[in-house]
């Protein structure tokens, strides 16, 4: 179950950027929900509604902001901004 303070990441195993971003979130030991678009194809529509695009990964942050295909530096900067990481 997702809490309001939790990151949500929409991605797929075949997507290299998704695997990289997921590994980064794991490395940062953040509490996040991973939505696998292969296992839940309907979630792709949700990701598209959030981002207005069909690109993945889509990372949704607790403050309501999101990133599409973020670099590691983008994710790290946002996490620091939100004080979700040490």
Protein backbone atom coordinates (compact mmCIF):
# COMPACT_ATOMS: atom_id res chain seq x y z
CA UNK A 1 0.00 0.00 0.00
CA UNK A 2 1.29 3.43 -0.92
CA UNK A 3 1.51 6.13 1.70
CA UNK A 4 1.37 9.83 0.79
CA UNK A 5 5.06 10.13 1.69
CA UNK A 6 6.10 7.36 -0.68
CA UNK A 7 7.66 7.61 -4.12
CA UNK A 8 5.91 5.72 -6.94
CA UNK A 9 7.87 4.53 -9.94
CA UNK A 10 6.23 3.29 -13.13
CA UNK A 11 8.53 1.12 -15.22
CA UNK A 12 9.22 -2.12 -17.04
CA UNK A 13 12.04 -4.67 -16.91
CA UNK A 14 12.82 -4.28 -20.64
CA UNK A 15 13.53 -0.56 -20.11
CA UNK A 16 17.20 0.19 -19.38
CA UNK A 17 16.41 3.59 -17.82
CA UNK A 18 13.80 1.93 -15.60
CA UNK A 19 16.29 -0.67 -14.36
CA UNK A 20 18.83 2.08 -13.65
CA UNK A 21 16.37 4.27 -11.76
CA UNK A 22 15.01 1.31 -9.77
CA UNK A 23 18.56 0.29 -8.82
CA UNK A 24 19.25 3.85 -7.67
CA UNK A 25 16.14 3.97 -5.49
CA UNK A 26 17.12 0.59 -4.02
CA UNK A 27 20.68 1.81 -3.38
CA UNK A 28 19.32 4.91 -1.62
CA UNK A 29 17.18 2.55 0.51
CA UNK A 30 14.07 4.61 -0.12
CA UNK A 31 10.56 3.41 0.57
CA UNK A 32 8.92 3.39 -2.84
CA UNK A 33 6.26 1.55 -4.77
CA UNK A 34 7.32 0.02 -8.08
CA UNK A 35 4.50 -0.34 -10.58
CA UNK A 36 5.48 -2.92 -13.19
CA UNK A 37 3.81 -1.95 -16.44
CA UNK A 38 4.35 -5.44 -17.85
CA UNK A 39 2.43 -7.01 -14.96
CA UNK A 40 -0.17 -4.21 -14.89
CA UNK A 41 -0.61 -2.81 -18.43
CA UNK A 42 -3.50 -0.58 -17.28
CA UNK A 43 -1.01 1.32 -15.10
CA UNK A 44 0.61 2.64 -18.28
CA UNK A 45 -2.45 4.87 -18.72
CA UNK A 46 -1.97 6.17 -15.17
CA UNK A 47 1.70 6.94 -15.88
CA UNK A 48 0.72 8.72 -19.09
CA UNK A 49 -1.93 10.76 -17.26
CA UNK A 50 0.67 11.83 -14.68
CA UNK A 51 3.36 12.77 -17.17
CA UNK A 52 1.43 13.63 -20.33
CA UNK A 53 3.90 11.40 -22.18
CA UNK A 54 4.31 7.74 -23.06
CA UNK A 55 7.96 7.57 -21.95
CA UNK A 56 9.14 5.62 -18.90
CA UNK A 57 10.22 5.53 -16.19
CA UNK A 58 7.85 7.96 -14.57
CA UNK A 59 8.77 8.77 -10.99
CA UNK A 60 6.03 10.40 -8.92
CA UNK A 61 7.14 12.15 -5.73
CA UNK A 62 5.19 12.76 -2.51
CA UNK A 63 4.96 16.49 -3.25
CA UNK A 64 3.00 15.72 -6.44
CA UNK A 65 5.87 16.48 -8.81
CA UNK A 66 7.17 13.90 -11.26
CA UNK A 67 10.12 13.15 -13.51
CA UNK A 68 10.12 11.29 -16.82
CA UNK A 69 13.27 9.39 -17.79
CA UNK A 70 15.25 11.12 -15.04
CA UNK A 71 19.01 10.92 -14.82
CA UNK A 72 20.56 9.67 -11.59
CA UNK A 73 21.51 13.28 -10.81
CA UNK A 74 17.89 14.40 -11.30
CA UNK A 75 16.60 11.74 -8.90
CA UNK A 76 19.29 12.48 -6.33
CA UNK A 77 18.59 16.22 -6.44
CA UNK A 78 14.85 15.68 -6.01
CA UNK A 79 15.33 13.23 -3.14
CA UNK A 80 17.61 15.71 -1.39
CA UNK A 81 15.07 18.48 -1.97
CA UNK A 82 12.39 16.34 -0.33
CA UNK A 83 14.72 15.26 2.47
CA UNK A 84 13.86 11.64 1.82
CA UNK A 85 17.45 10.48 1.94
CA UNK A 86 20.31 10.93 4.39
